[in-house]
Amino acid sequence: MTAAIIDGKEASARLKGGIAKAVADLKARYNVTPGLATVLVGDDPASHVYVASKQKTAVELGMASFQHDLAADTSEADLLALVRKLNADPNVNGILVQMPLPKHIDQVRVITAIDPAKDVDGLHPQSAGRLVAGADTLVSCTPLGCLMLLKDTLGDLTGKNAVVIGRSILVGKPVAMLLLNENCTVTIAHSRTKDLPAVCRTADILVAAVGKLEMVRGDWIKPGATVIDVGINPLPSTDGKRRLRGDVNYADASQVASAITPVPGGVGPMTIACLMVNTLKACCMQHGFSDVKVPTSLPPRN
């Protein structure tokens, strides 16, 4: 068996097509343009690449992009003041503060300062609480992208055993809640899970979000399982080029799983596309536009 590749680039292109149509509809009917504000503190090269890609995608889809690049020594008070300013700006529908932040800034305090209605990263405690309650909310972008890929690949997820490796507020916990809301039986595993390989072998759906290079081997995977690799682990570079690998040993796993996301080109493109979904959704919710179709799943392939 060789696993089918779950192509995140192709999937995100389909999703972005639906977003662009909805944005155009919003402009034509209501003369409203969704606006995304990104805030980057410091000079982390990877963060600069991620933020630039988010801004570029927003503009390509017809949205307004507001860029705020701050020095690494920006005080927490100044960052919080900017967040409050963006909260009050009617042209800004979504606010994304790029993580990680410099060590002198309290990440939780910054996340909590963002207006939940503009929390397009889905990290505010109110957003997380609504997700746990099964209520409609802005969901963290990477977990939302994972869920869309799974449903596009498998259809109805009801009754499937899902194992999530990782318990972060960014991926592990929200993706587990999303799968639970889809009627999966969900196990959250982590570094202290007893006999982790055996737990993983129970999974029809395995989501690896632990941040350890190629930790998940082929013999950890149930034959025929669907594997979503969220890991983004940089490899040592000898020529200045940035190379990434996931949390799953792709060569091993692809011989056992029925379908698998590659790294790069799997979950990553969907994360950015889902950020655009959240920005569009936030705009419609803030204006009360219930008749604009915000994509909630991947459109069919042509």
C-alpha atoms as a PDB file:
ATOM      1  CA  MET A   1       0.000   0.000   0.000  1.00  0.00           C
ATOM      2  CA  THR A   2       1.167   3.502  -0.816  1.00  0.00           C
ATOM      3  CA  ALA A   3      -0.805   6.291   0.801  1.00  0.00           C
ATOM      4  CA  ALA A   4      -2.718   8.829  -1.228  1.00  0.00           C
ATOM      5  CA  ILE A   5      -1.252  12.309  -0.821  1.00  0.00           C
ATOM      6  CA  ILE A   6      -3.609  14.836   0.764  1.00  0.00           C
ATOM      7  CA  ASP A   7      -2.630  17.871  -1.281  1.00  0.00           C
ATOM      8  CA  GLY A   8      -3.003  20.980   0.872  1.00  0.00           C
ATOM      9  CA  LYS A   9      -2.014  23.310  -1.955  1.00  0.00           C
ATOM     10  CA  GLU A  10      -4.772  22.023  -4.213  1.00  0.00           C
ATOM     11  CA  ALA A  11      -7.289  22.032  -1.380  1.00  0.00           C
ATOM     12  CA  SER A  12      -6.419  25.576  -0.317  1.00  0.00           C
ATOM     13  CA  ALA A  13      -6.768  26.770  -3.906  1.00  0.00           C
ATOM     14  CA  ARG A  14     -10.312  25.407  -3.988  1.00  0.00           C
ATOM     15  CA  LEU A  15     -11.107  27.036  -0.656  1.00  0.00           C
ATOM     16  CA  LYS A  16      -9.624  30.384  -1.669  1.00  0.00           C
ATOM     17  CA  GLY A  17     -11.747  30.328  -4.824  1.00  0.00           C
ATOM     18  CA  GLY A  18     -14.866  30.146  -2.664  1.00  0.00           C
ATOM     19  CA  ILE A  19     -13.582  32.905  -0.379  1.00  0.00           C
ATOM     20  CA  ALA A  20     -12.832  35.236  -3.303  1.00  0.00           C
ATOM     21  CA  LYS A  21     -16.378  34.776  -4.627  1.00  0.00           C
ATOM     22  CA  ALA A  22     -17.855  35.570  -1.208  1.00  0.00           C
ATOM     23  CA  VAL A  23     -15.659  38.659  -0.801  1.00  0.00           C
ATOM     24  CA  ALA A  24     -16.718  39.908  -4.245  1.00  0.00           C
ATOM     25  CA  ASP A  25     -20.374  39.284  -3.325  1.00  0.00           C
ATOM     26  CA  LEU A  26     -19.912  41.194  -0.073  1.00  0.00           C
ATOM     27  CA  LYS A  27     -18.433  44.168  -1.892  1.00  0.00           C
ATOM     28  CA  ALA A  28     -21.065  44.173  -4.639  1.00  0.00           C
ATOM     29  CA  ARG A  29     -24.053  43.928  -2.334  1.00  0.00           C
ATOM     30  CA  TYR A  30     -22.933  45.887   0.715  1.00  0.00           C
ATOM     31  CA  ASN A  31     -19.844  47.858  -0.364  1.00  0.00           C
ATOM     32  CA  VAL A  32     -17.918  46.292   2.526  1.00  0.00           C
ATOM     33  CA  THR A  33     -14.356  44.971   2.290  1.00  0.00           C
ATOM     34  CA  PRO A  34     -13.118  42.523   4.956  1.00  0.00           C
ATOM     35  CA  GLY A  35      -9.984  43.846   6.647  1.00  0.00           C
ATOM     36  CA  LEU A  36      -7.193  41.812   8.255  1.00  0.00           C
ATOM     37  CA  ALA A  37      -4.617  43.426  10.549  1.00  0.00           C
ATOM     38  CA  THR A  38      -1.377  41.557  11.212  1.00  0.00           C
ATOM     39  CA  VAL A  39       0.948  42.486  14.048  1.00  0.00           C
ATOM     40  CA  LEU A  40       4.552  41.268  14.017  1.00  0.00           C
ATOM     41  CA  VAL A  41       6.908  42.003  16.892  1.00  0.00           C
ATOM     42  CA  GLY A  42      10.610  41.446  16.268  1.00  0.00           C
ATOM     43  CA  ASP A  43      12.680  40.090  13.394  1.00  0.00           C
ATOM     44  CA  ASP A  44      12.166  36.311  13.480  1.00  0.00           C
ATOM     45  CA  PRO A  45      12.759  35.247   9.837  1.00  0.00           C
ATOM     46  CA  ALA A  46      10.122  32.510   9.815  1.00  0.00           C
ATOM     47  CA  SER A  47       7.501  34.839  11.293  1.00  0.00           C
ATOM     48  CA  HIS A  48       8.251  37.430   8.614  1.00  0.00           C
ATOM     49  CA  VAL A  49       7.706  34.806   5.900  1.00  0.00           C
ATOM     50  CA  TYR A  50       4.412  33.654   7.460  1.00  0.00           C
ATOM     51  CA  VAL A  51       3.049  37.183   7.905  1.00  0.00           C
ATOM     52  CA  ALA A  52       4.039  38.235   4.380  1.00  0.00           C
ATOM     53  CA  SER A  53       2.218  35.201   2.982  1.00  0.00           C
ATOM     54  CA  LYS A  54      -0.909  36.026   4.986  1.00  0.00           C
ATOM     55  CA  GLN A  55      -0.904  39.629   3.811  1.00  0.00           C
ATOM     56  CA  LYS A  56      -0.351  38.612   0.191  1.00  0.00           C
ATOM     57  CA  THR A  57      -3.201  36.095   0.307  1.00  0.00           C
ATOM     58  CA  ALA A  58      -5.604  38.618   1.831  1.00  0.00           C
ATOM     59  CA  VAL A  59      -4.924  41.093  -0.979  1.00  0.00           C
ATOM     60  CA  GLU A  60      -5.207  38.376  -3.653  1.00  0.00           C
ATOM     61  CA  LEU A  61      -8.673  37.475  -2.346  1.00  0.00           C
ATOM     62  CA  GLY A  62      -9.848  41.095  -2.426  1.00  0.00           C
ATOM     63  CA  MET A  63      -9.478  41.891   1.265  1.00  0.00           C
ATOM     64  CA  ALA A  64      -7.813  44.879   2.894  1.00  0.00           C
ATOM     65  CA  SER A  65      -4.520  44.161   4.656  1.00  0.00           C
ATOM     66  CA  PHE A  66      -3.166  46.316   7.468  1.00  0.00           C
ATOM     67  CA  GLN A  67       0.440  45.584   8.389  1.00  0.00           C
ATOM     68  CA  HIS A  68       1.994  46.540  11.724  1.00  0.00           C
ATOM     69  CA  ASP A  69       5.670  45.602  12.145  1.00  0.00           C
ATOM     70  CA  LEU A  70       7.084  46.476  15.563  1.00  0.00           C
ATOM     71  CA  ALA A  71      10.626  46.412  16.897  1.00  0.00           C
ATOM     72  CA  ALA A  72      11.729  43.492  19.078  1.00  0.00           C
ATOM     73  CA  ASP A  73      12.055  45.792  22.083  1.00  0.00           C
ATOM     74  CA  THR A  74       8.478  47.092  21.811  1.00  0.00           C
ATOM     75  CA  SER A  75       6.982  47.170  25.291  1.00  0.00           C
ATOM     76  CA  GLU A  76       4.011  45.063  26.274  1.00  0.00           C
ATOM     77  CA  ALA A  77       2.100  48.271  27.064  1.00  0.00           C
ATOM     78  CA  ASP A  78       2.675  49.619  23.550  1.00  0.00           C
ATOM     79  CA  LEU A  79       1.603  46.341  21.968  1.00  0.00           C
ATOM     80  CA  LEU A  80      -1.569  46.252  24.062  1.00  0.00           C
ATOM     81  CA  ALA A  81      -2.288  49.861  23.078  1.00  0.00           C
ATOM     82  CA  LEU A  82      -2.051  48.883  19.398  1.00  0.00           C
ATOM     83  CA  VAL A  83      -4.393  45.934  19.960  1.00  0.00           C
ATOM     84  CA  ARG A  84      -6.949  48.250  21.606  1.00  0.00           C
ATOM     85  CA  LYS A  85      -6.649  50.636  18.659  1.00  0.00           C
ATOM     86  CA  LEU A  86      -7.298  47.808  16.199  1.00  0.00           C
ATOM     87  CA  ASN A  87     -10.229  46.573  18.302  1.00  0.00           C
ATOM     88  CA  ALA A  88     -11.848  49.998  17.855  1.00  0.00           C
ATOM     89  CA  ASP A  89     -11.075  50.353  14.120  1.00  0.00           C
ATOM     90  CA  PRO A  90     -14.230  49.580  12.078  1.00  0.00           C
ATOM     91  CA  ASN A  91     -12.126  48.830   8.974  1.00  0.00           C
ATOM     92  CA  VAL A  92     -10.356  45.990  10.785  1.00  0.00           C
ATOM     93  CA  ASN A  93     -12.458  42.840  11.043  1.00  0.00           C
ATOM     94  CA  GLY A  94      -9.709  40.419  12.011  1.00  0.00           C
ATOM     95  CA  ILE A  95      -6.624  40.803  14.191  1.00  0.00           C
ATOM     96  CA  LEU A  96      -3.700  38.396  14.120  1.00  0.00           C
ATOM     97  CA  VAL A  97      -0.742  38.874  16.450  1.00  0.00           C
ATOM     98  CA  GLN A  98       1.993  36.610  15.110  1.00  0.00           C
ATOM     99  CA  MET A  99       3.426  34.166  17.632  1.00  0.00           C
ATOM    100  CA  PRO A 100       5.881  33.664  19.202  1.00  0.00           C
ATOM    101  CA  LEU A 101       6.247  37.021  20.923  1.00  0.00           C
ATOM    102  CA  PRO A 102       9.480  38.258  22.544  1.00  0.00           C
ATOM    103  CA  LYS A 103       9.998  36.818  26.030  1.00  0.00           C
ATOM    104  CA  HIS A 104       9.302  40.113  27.816  1.00  0.00           C
ATOM    105  CA  ILE A 105       5.701  40.151  26.526  1.00  0.00           C
ATOM    106  CA  ASP A 106       2.964  38.042  28.139  1.00  0.00           C
ATOM    107  CA  GLN A 107       1.439  36.077  25.265  1.00  0.00           C
ATOM    108  CA  VAL A 108      -1.757  35.210  27.161  1.00  0.00           C
ATOM    109  CA  ARG A 109      -2.340  38.839  28.125  1.00  0.00           C
ATOM    110  CA  VAL A 110      -2.043  39.906  24.478  1.00  0.00           C
ATOM    111  CA  ILE A 111      -4.362  37.161  23.213  1.00  0.00           C
ATOM    112  CA  THR A 112      -6.945  38.021  25.860  1.00  0.00           C
ATOM    113  CA  ALA A 113      -6.800  41.718  24.901  1.00  0.00           C
ATOM    114  CA  ILE A 114      -8.022  40.994  21.361  1.00  0.00           C
ATOM    115  CA  ASP A 115     -11.746  41.545  20.823  1.00  0.00           C
ATOM    116  CA  PRO A 116     -13.189  37.995  20.543  1.00  0.00           C
ATOM    117  CA  ALA A 117     -15.249  39.155  17.565  1.00  0.00           C
ATOM    118  CA  LYS A 118     -11.972  39.929  15.752  1.00  0.00           C
ATOM    119  CA  ASP A 119     -10.016  36.922  17.060  1.00  0.00           C
ATOM    120  CA  VAL A 120      -9.312  35.302  13.689  1.00  0.00           C
ATOM    121  CA  ASP A 121      -6.590  33.120  15.236  1.00  0.00           C
ATOM    122  CA  GLY A 122      -9.272  31.531  17.459  1.00  0.00           C
ATOM    123  CA  LEU A 123      -7.098  31.672  20.581  1.00  0.00           C
ATOM    124  CA  HIS A 124      -9.110  33.946  22.877  1.00  0.00           C
ATOM    125  CA  PRO A 125     -10.515  32.099  25.937  1.00  0.00           C
ATOM    126  CA  GLN A 126     -14.040  33.013  24.811  1.00  0.00           C
ATOM    127  CA  SER A 127     -13.416  31.434  21.395  1.00  0.00           C
ATOM    128  CA  ALA A 128     -11.979  28.314  23.022  1.00  0.00           C
ATOM    129  CA  GLY A 129     -14.909  28.086  25.427  1.00  0.00           C
ATOM    130  CA  ARG A 130     -17.481  28.362  22.665  1.00  0.00           C
ATOM    131  CA  LEU A 131     -15.684  25.599  20.750  1.00  0.00           C
ATOM    132  CA  VAL A 132     -15.837  23.310  23.780  1.00  0.00           C
ATOM    133  CA  ALA A 133     -19.530  24.118  24.152  1.00  0.00           C
ATOM    134  CA  GLY A 134     -20.142  23.225  20.504  1.00  0.00           C
ATOM    135  CA  ALA A 135     -21.261  26.778  19.693  1.00  0.00           C
ATOM    136  CA  ASP A 136     -20.492  28.670  16.502  1.00  0.00           C
ATOM    137  CA  THR A 137     -17.217  30.569  16.871  1.00  0.00           C
ATOM    138  CA  LEU A 138     -13.976  31.582  15.195  1.00  0.00           C
ATOM    139  CA  VAL A 139     -11.856  28.422  15.301  1.00  0.00           C
ATOM    140  CA  SER A 140      -8.063  28.305  15.346  1.00  0.00           C
ATOM    141  CA  CYS A 141      -6.918  28.197  11.713  1.00  0.00           C
ATOM    142  CA  THR A 142      -4.678  25.128  11.667  1.00  0.00           C
ATOM    143  CA  PRO A 143      -7.225  22.843  13.396  1.00  0.00           C
ATOM    144  CA  LEU A 144      -9.951  24.122  11.068  1.00  0.00           C
ATOM    145  CA  GLY A 145      -7.742  23.330   8.090  1.00  0.00           C
ATOM    146  CA  CYS A 146      -7.075  19.834   9.446  1.00  0.00           C
ATOM    147  CA  LEU A 147     -10.792  19.183   9.829  1.00  0.00           C
ATOM    148  CA  MET A 148     -11.572  20.387   6.303  1.00  0.00           C
ATOM    149  CA  LEU A 149      -8.891  18.110   4.855  1.00  0.00           C
ATOM    150  CA  LEU A 150     -10.198  15.138   6.829  1.00  0.00           C
ATOM    151  CA  LYS A 151     -13.796  15.649   5.782  1.00  0.00           C
ATOM    152  CA  ASP A 152     -12.738  16.201   2.170  1.00  0.00           C
ATOM    153  CA  THR A 153     -10.794  12.912   2.279  1.00  0.00           C
ATOM    154  CA  LEU A 154     -13.093  10.740   4.382  1.00  0.00           C
ATOM    155  CA  GLY A 155     -16.534  12.350   4.258  1.00  0.00           C
ATOM    156  CA  ASP A 156     -18.541  11.662   7.417  1.00  0.00           C
ATOM    157  CA  LEU A 157     -16.209  11.195  10.401  1.00  0.00           C
ATOM    158  CA  THR A 158     -18.848   9.732  12.743  1.00  0.00           C
ATOM    159  CA  GLY A 159     -17.625   6.833  14.854  1.00  0.00           C
ATOM    160  CA  LYS A 160     -13.991   6.981  13.819  1.00  0.00           C
ATOM    161  CA  ASN A 161     -11.253   6.607  16.417  1.00  0.00           C
ATOM    162  CA  ALA A 162      -9.065   9.707  16.378  1.00  0.00           C
ATOM    163  CA  VAL A 163      -5.767  10.139  18.206  1.00  0.00           C
ATOM    164  CA  VAL A 164      -4.264  13.615  18.530  1.00  0.00           C
ATOM    165  CA  ILE A 165      -0.617  13.760  19.597  1.00  0.00           C
ATOM    166  CA  GLY A 166      -0.135  17.144  21.268  1.00  0.00           C
ATOM    167  CA  ARG A 167      -2.144  19.221  23.719  1.00  0.00           C
ATOM    168  CA  SER A 168      -1.324  22.823  22.805  1.00  0.00           C
ATOM    169  CA  ILE A 169      -3.999  25.516  22.761  1.00  0.00           C
ATOM    170  CA  LEU A 170      -2.964  26.299  19.189  1.00  0.00           C
ATOM    171  CA  VAL A 171      -3.547  22.854  17.654  1.00  0.00           C
ATOM    172  CA  GLY A 172      -3.909  19.808  19.921  1.00  0.00           C
ATOM    173  CA  LYS A 173      -6.823  20.828  22.115  1.00  0.00           C
ATOM    174  CA  PRO A 174      -8.915  22.622  19.461  1.00  0.00           C
ATOM    175  CA  VAL A 175      -8.486  19.898  16.835  1.00  0.00           C
ATOM    176  CA  ALA A 176      -9.574  17.340  19.441  1.00  0.00           C
ATOM    177  CA  MET A 177     -12.710  19.394  20.161  1.00  0.00           C
ATOM    178  CA  LEU A 178     -13.487  19.729  16.452  1.00  0.00           C
ATOM    179  CA  LEU A 179     -13.195  15.972  15.971  1.00  0.00           C
ATOM    180  CA  LEU A 180     -15.335  15.328  19.033  1.00  0.00           C
ATOM    181  CA  ASN A 181     -17.973  17.659  17.583  1.00  0.00           C
ATOM    182  CA  GLU A 182     -17.869  15.513  14.423  1.00  0.00           C
ATOM    183  CA  ASN A 183     -18.764  12.452  16.544  1.00  0.00           C
ATOM    184  CA  CYS A 184     -15.315  10.893  16.579  1.00  0.00           C
ATOM    185  CA  THR A 185     -14.030   9.018  19.617  1.00  0.00           C
ATOM    186  CA  VAL A 186     -11.021  11.138  20.534  1.00  0.00           C
ATOM    187  CA  THR A 187      -7.857  10.409  22.502  1.00  0.00           C
ATOM    188  CA  ILE A 188      -5.459  13.258  23.288  1.00  0.00           C
ATOM    189  CA  ALA A 189      -1.959  11.815  23.632  1.00  0.00           C
ATOM    190  CA  HIS A 190       1.262  13.575  24.611  1.00  0.00           C
ATOM    191  CA  SER A 191       4.855  13.094  25.737  1.00  0.00           C
ATOM    192  CA  ARG A 192       3.810  11.360  28.967  1.00  0.00           C
ATOM    193  CA  THR A 193       1.290   8.994  27.412  1.00  0.00           C
ATOM    194  CA  LYS A 194       2.050   5.401  28.389  1.00  0.00           C
ATOM    195  CA  ASP A 195       3.026   3.278  25.363  1.00  0.00           C
ATOM    196  CA  LEU A 196       2.353   6.042  22.851  1.00  0.00           C
ATOM    197  CA  PRO A 197       2.965   3.837  19.772  1.00  0.00           C
ATOM    198  CA  ALA A 198       0.260   1.420  20.919  1.00  0.00           C
ATOM    199  CA  VAL A 199      -2.197   4.281  21.454  1.00  0.00           C
ATOM    200  CA  CYS A 200      -1.459   5.612  17.976  1.00  0.00           C
ATOM    201  CA  ARG A 201      -2.113   2.195  16.440  1.00  0.00           C
ATOM    202  CA  THR A 202      -5.748   2.420  17.584  1.00  0.00           C
ATOM    203  CA  ALA A 203      -6.369   5.467  15.375  1.00  0.00           C
ATOM    204  CA  ASP A 204      -8.421   5.571  12.205  1.00  0.00           C
ATOM    205  CA  ILE A 205      -7.384   9.251  12.174  1.00  0.00           C
ATOM    206  CA  LEU A 206      -3.971  10.262  13.517  1.00  0.00           C
ATOM    207  CA  VAL A 207      -3.142  13.947  13.954  1.00  0.00           C
ATOM    208  CA  ALA A 208       0.507  14.598  14.847  1.00  0.00           C
ATOM    209  CA  ALA A 209       1.075  18.022  16.397  1.00  0.00           C
ATOM    210  CA  VAL A 210       3.905  17.460  18.848  1.00  0.00           C
ATOM    211  CA  GLY A 211       6.793  19.410  17.298  1.00  0.00           C
ATOM    212  CA  LYS A 212       9.347  16.586  17.223  1.00  0.00           C
ATOM    213  CA  LEU A 213      11.049  15.750  13.947  1.00  0.00           C
ATOM    214  CA  GLU A 214       9.749  12.509  12.408  1.00  0.00           C
ATOM    215  CA  MET A 215       8.837  11.084  15.810  1.00  0.00           C
ATOM    216  CA  VAL A 216       5.918   9.030  14.466  1.00  0.00           C
ATOM    217  CA  ARG A 217       7.162   5.938  12.657  1.00  0.00           C
ATOM    218  CA  GLY A 218       5.369   3.693  10.226  1.00  0.00           C
ATOM    219  CA  ASP A 219       4.906   0.944  12.829  1.00  0.00           C
ATOM    220  CA  TRP A 220       2.971   3.423  15.009  1.00  0.00           C
ATOM    221  CA  ILE A 221       0.234   3.639  12.385  1.00  0.00           C
ATOM    222  CA  LYS A 222      -2.789   1.413  11.956  1.00  0.00           C
ATOM    223  CA  PRO A 223      -2.906   0.037   8.398  1.00  0.00           C
ATOM    224  CA  GLY A 224      -5.305   2.158   6.361  1.00  0.00           C
ATOM    225  CA  ALA A 225      -5.362   5.092   8.788  1.00  0.00           C
ATOM    226  CA  THR A 226      -5.509   8.711   7.638  1.00  0.00           C
ATOM    227  CA  VAL A 227      -2.560  10.770   8.889  1.00  0.00           C
ATOM    228  CA  ILE A 228      -2.520  14.543   9.309  1.00  0.00           C
ATOM    229  CA  ASP A 229       0.996  15.848   9.987  1.00  0.00           C
ATOM    230  CA  VAL A 230       0.934  19.323  11.542  1.00  0.00           C
ATOM    231  CA  GLY A 231       4.652  19.386  12.367  1.00  0.00           C
ATOM    232  CA  ILE A 232       6.912  22.057  10.886  1.00  0.00           C
ATOM    233  CA  ASN A 233      10.482  21.165  11.823  1.00  0.00           C
ATOM    234  CA  PRO A 234      13.364  22.965  10.061  1.00  0.00           C
ATOM    235  CA  LEU A 235      16.309  20.871   8.915  1.00  0.00           C
ATOM    236  CA  PRO A 236      19.918  22.051   9.133  1.00  0.00           C
ATOM    237  CA  SER A 237      20.806  24.023   6.012  1.00  0.00           C
ATOM    238  CA  THR A 238      24.119  23.991   4.186  1.00  0.00           C
ATOM    239  CA  ASP A 239      23.078  26.190   1.278  1.00  0.00           C
ATOM    240  CA  GLY A 240      20.867  28.816   2.932  1.00  0.00           C
ATOM    241  CA  LYS A 241      17.634  27.214   1.742  1.00  0.00           C
ATOM    242  CA  ARG A 242      14.897  26.468   4.272  1.00  0.00           C
ATOM    243  CA  ARG A 243      13.804  22.838   4.366  1.00  0.00           C
ATOM    244  CA  LEU A 244      11.025  21.433   6.517  1.00  0.00           C
ATOM    245  CA  ARG A 245       9.958  18.019   7.742  1.00  0.00           C
ATOM    246  CA  GLY A 246       6.979  16.967   9.799  1.00  0.00           C
ATOM    247  CA  ASP A 247       6.356  15.065  13.018  1.00  0.00           C
ATOM    248  CA  VAL A 248       5.729  11.904  10.988  1.00  0.00           C
ATOM    249  CA  ASN A 249       8.358   9.885   9.146  1.00  0.00           C
ATOM    250  CA  TYR A 250       6.728  10.268   5.751  1.00  0.00           C
ATOM    251  CA  ALA A 251       8.667   7.506   3.983  1.00  0.00           C
ATOM    252  CA  ASP A 252       7.631   4.952   6.610  1.00  0.00           C
ATOM    253  CA  ALA A 253       4.098   6.163   7.178  1.00  0.00           C
ATOM    254  CA  SER A 254       3.164   6.415   3.518  1.00  0.00           C
ATOM    255  CA  GLN A 255       3.645   2.658   3.203  1.00  0.00           C
ATOM    256  CA  VAL A 256       1.046   1.960   5.908  1.00  0.00           C
ATOM    257  CA  ALA A 257      -1.526   4.776   5.880  1.00  0.00           C
ATOM    258  CA  SER A 258      -4.295   5.113   3.311  1.00  0.00           C
ATOM    259  CA  ALA A 259      -3.839   8.886   3.058  1.00  0.00           C
ATOM    260  CA  ILE A 260      -1.310  11.360   4.456  1.00  0.00           C
ATOM    261  CA  THR A 261      -0.428  15.046   4.338  1.00  0.00           C
ATOM    262  CA  PRO A 262       3.098  15.908   3.175  1.00  0.00           C
ATOM    263  CA  VAL A 263       5.352  18.504   4.823  1.00  0.00           C
ATOM    264  CA  PRO A 264       5.563  21.011   3.280  1.00  0.00           C
ATOM    265  CA  GLY A 265       2.436  21.291   1.137  1.00  0.00           C
ATOM    266  CA  GLY A 266      -0.107  19.715   3.449  1.00  0.00           C
ATOM    267  CA  VAL A 267      -1.618  21.511   6.418  1.00  0.00           C
ATOM    268  CA  GLY A 268       0.372  24.746   5.966  1.00  0.00           C
ATOM    269  CA  PRO A 269      -1.475  26.144   2.930  1.00  0.00           C
ATOM    270  CA  MET A 270      -4.814  25.333   4.580  1.00  0.00           C
ATOM    271  CA  THR A 271      -3.855  27.304   7.688  1.00  0.00           C
ATOM    272  CA  ILE A 272      -3.525  30.511   5.675  1.00  0.00           C
ATOM    273  CA  ALA A 273      -6.716  29.829   3.689  1.00  0.00           C
ATOM    274  CA  CYS A 274      -8.646  29.232   6.917  1.00  0.00           C
ATOM    275  CA  LEU A 275      -7.343  32.533   8.294  1.00  0.00           C
ATOM    276  CA  MET A 276      -9.063  34.158   5.317  1.00  0.00           C
ATOM    277  CA  VAL A 277     -12.245  32.183   6.058  1.00  0.00           C
ATOM    278  CA  ASN A 278     -12.168  33.512   9.621  1.00  0.00           C
ATOM    279  CA  THR A 279     -11.602  37.096   8.463  1.00  0.00           C
ATOM    280  CA  LEU A 280     -14.553  36.878   6.094  1.00  0.00           C
ATOM    281  CA  LYS A 281     -16.704  35.230   8.761  1.00  0.00           C
ATOM    282  CA  ALA A 282     -15.745  37.861  11.345  1.00  0.00           C
ATOM    283  CA  CYS A 283     -16.660  40.640   8.927  1.00  0.00           C
ATOM    284  CA  CYS A 284     -20.073  39.123   8.201  1.00  0.00           C
ATOM    285  CA  MET A 285     -20.788  38.528  11.892  1.00  0.00           C
ATOM    286  CA  GLN A 286     -19.815  42.073  12.852  1.00  0.00           C
ATOM    287  CA  HIS A 287     -22.105  43.541  10.181  1.00  0.00           C
ATOM    288  CA  GLY A 288     -24.926  41.020  10.625  1.00  0.00           C
ATOM    289  CA  PHE A 289     -24.651  39.744   7.038  1.00  0.00           C
ATOM    290  CA  SER A 290     -26.176  36.296   7.477  1.00  0.00           C
ATOM    291  CA  ASP A 291     -26.913  35.942   3.755  1.00  0.00           C
ATOM    292  CA  VAL A 292     -23.292  35.953   2.571  1.00  0.00           C
ATOM    293  CA  LYS A 293     -22.037  32.402   2.023  1.00  0.00           C
ATOM    294  CA  VAL A 294     -18.884  31.880   4.077  1.00  0.00           C
ATOM    295  CA  PRO A 295     -17.194  28.584   3.086  1.00  0.00           C
ATOM    296  CA  THR A 296     -17.392  26.014   5.885  1.00  0.00           C
ATOM    297  CA  SER A 297     -15.927  23.123   3.907  1.00  0.00           C
ATOM    298  CA  LEU A 298     -13.826  22.528   0.830  1.00  0.00           C
ATOM    299  CA  PRO A 299     -15.695  23.044  -2.460  1.00  0.00           C
ATOM    300  CA  PRO A 300     -15.920  19.950  -4.708  1.00  0.00           C
ATOM    301  CA  ARG A 301     -13.124  19.320  -7.188  1.00  0.00           C
ATOM    302  CA  ASN A 302     -13.879  20.415 -10.723  1.00  0.00           C
END
